[in-house]
C-alpha atoms as a PDB file:
ATOM      1  CA  MET A   1      62.099-191.979  83.423  1.00  0.00           C
ATOM      2  CA  THR A   2      62.509-194.397  80.530  1.00  0.00           C
ATOM      3  CA  PHE A   3      59.729-195.676  78.293  1.00  0.00           C
ATOM      4  CA  ARG A   4      60.025-199.151  76.766  1.00  0.00           C
ATOM      5  CA  LEU A   5      58.077-201.258  74.308  1.00  0.00           C
ATOM      6  CA  ALA A   6      58.640-204.747  72.963  1.00  0.00           C
ATOM      7  CA  CYS A   7      56.912-204.890  69.587  1.00  0.00           C
ATOM      8  CA  GLY A   8      56.227-208.586  70.150  1.00  0.00           C
ATOM      9  CA  ASP A   9      53.795-207.571  72.895  1.00  0.00           C
ATOM     10  CA  VAL A  10      51.648-206.065  70.134  1.00  0.00           C
ATOM     11  CA  MET A  11      52.767-208.063  67.080  1.00  0.00           C
ATOM     12  CA  PRO A  12      53.525-211.627  68.176  1.00  0.00           C
ATOM     13  CA  GLY A  13      56.781-212.899  66.761  1.00  0.00           C
ATOM     14  CA  CYS A  14      58.418-209.495  66.288  1.00  0.00           C
ATOM     15  CA  THR A  15      61.697-209.163  68.174  1.00  0.00           C
ATOM     16  CA  ALA A  16      62.084-205.364  67.933  1.00  0.00           C
ATOM     17  CA  HIS A  17      62.466-203.408  71.173  1.00  0.00           C
ATOM     18  CA  PHE A  18      62.267-199.664  71.689  1.00  0.00           C
ATOM     19  CA  GLU A  19      63.455-197.452  74.522  1.00  0.00           C
ATOM     20  CA  HIS A  20      63.464-193.670  74.926  1.00  0.00           C
ATOM     21  CA  ALA A  21      63.325-191.089  77.698  1.00  0.00           C
ATOM     22  CA  ASP A  22      60.508-189.275  75.881  1.00  0.00           C
ATOM     23  CA  ARG A  23      57.214-191.117  75.277  1.00  0.00           C
ATOM     24  CA  ASP A  24      56.434-189.167  72.095  1.00  0.00           C
ATOM     25  CA  GLN A  25      59.866-189.973  70.670  1.00  0.00           C
ATOM     26  CA  LEU A  26      59.328-193.632  71.512  1.00  0.00           C
ATOM     27  CA  MET A  27      56.051-193.546  69.597  1.00  0.00           C
ATOM     28  CA  THR A  28      57.811-191.926  66.631  1.00  0.00           C
ATOM     29  CA  GLN A  29      60.228-194.862  66.538  1.00  0.00           C
ATOM     30  CA  VAL A  30      57.393-197.375  66.877  1.00  0.00           C
ATOM     31  CA  VAL A  31      55.351-195.768  64.083  1.00  0.00           C
ATOM     32  CA  ALA A  32      58.375-195.824  61.754  1.00  0.00           C
ATOM     33  CA  HIS A  33      58.968-199.491  62.607  1.00  0.00           C
ATOM     34  CA  ALA A  34      55.306-200.379  62.064  1.00  0.00           C
ATOM     35  CA  ALA A  35      55.430-198.886  58.566  1.00  0.00           C
ATOM     36  CA  ALA A  36      58.815-200.290  57.551  1.00  0.00           C
ATOM     37  CA  ASP A  37      58.552-203.782  59.018  1.00  0.00           C
ATOM     38  CA  HIS A  38      54.833-204.483  59.295  1.00  0.00           C
ATOM     39  CA  GLY A  39      53.363-202.424  56.448  1.00  0.00           C
ATOM     40  CA  ILE A  40      51.129-200.516  58.872  1.00  0.00           C
ATOM     41  CA  THR A  41      50.966-196.968  57.542  1.00  0.00           C
ATOM     42  CA  THR A  42      47.755-195.843  59.221  1.00  0.00           C
ATOM     43  CA  ILE A  43      47.713-195.806  62.999  1.00  0.00           C
ATOM     44  CA  THR A  44      44.095-196.283  63.977  1.00  0.00           C
ATOM     45  CA  PRO A  45      42.829-195.403  67.454  1.00  0.00           C
ATOM     46  CA  GLU A  46      42.702-199.140  68.201  1.00  0.00           C
ATOM     47  CA  ILE A  47      46.354-199.630  67.261  1.00  0.00           C
ATOM     48  CA  ALA A  48      47.397-196.549  69.242  1.00  0.00           C
ATOM     49  CA  GLU A  49      45.498-197.857  72.276  1.00  0.00           C
ATOM     50  CA  ALA A  50      47.027-201.340  71.982  1.00  0.00           C
ATOM     51  CA  VAL A  51      50.540-199.915  71.741  1.00  0.00           C
ATOM     52  CA  GLY A  52      49.991-197.334  74.475  1.00  0.00           C
ATOM     53  CA  ALA A  53      48.695-199.963  76.873  1.00  0.00           C
ATOM     54  CA  ARG A  54      51.895-201.972  76.491  1.00  0.00           C
ATOM     55  CA  ILE A  55      54.404-199.185  76.963  1.00  0.00           C
ATOM     56  CA  GLN A  56      56.271-199.632  80.219  1.00  0.00           C
ATOM     57  CA  HIS A  57      57.997-196.845  82.110  1.00  0.00           C
ATOM     58  CA  THR A  58      60.582-196.958  84.848  1.00  0.00           C
END
């Protein structure tokens, strides 16, 4: 199973894409990206829910 997220689905205009076999590892990548590229250093429950709802798995 592969988990995927297009950051633009959460942050319109962002072209970053993430893919990983492990959902937790995908989230680690997304959190690092959010801090580095969007200045988001605190992941609130609302942000976590928005991101989680847009993760696709195949």
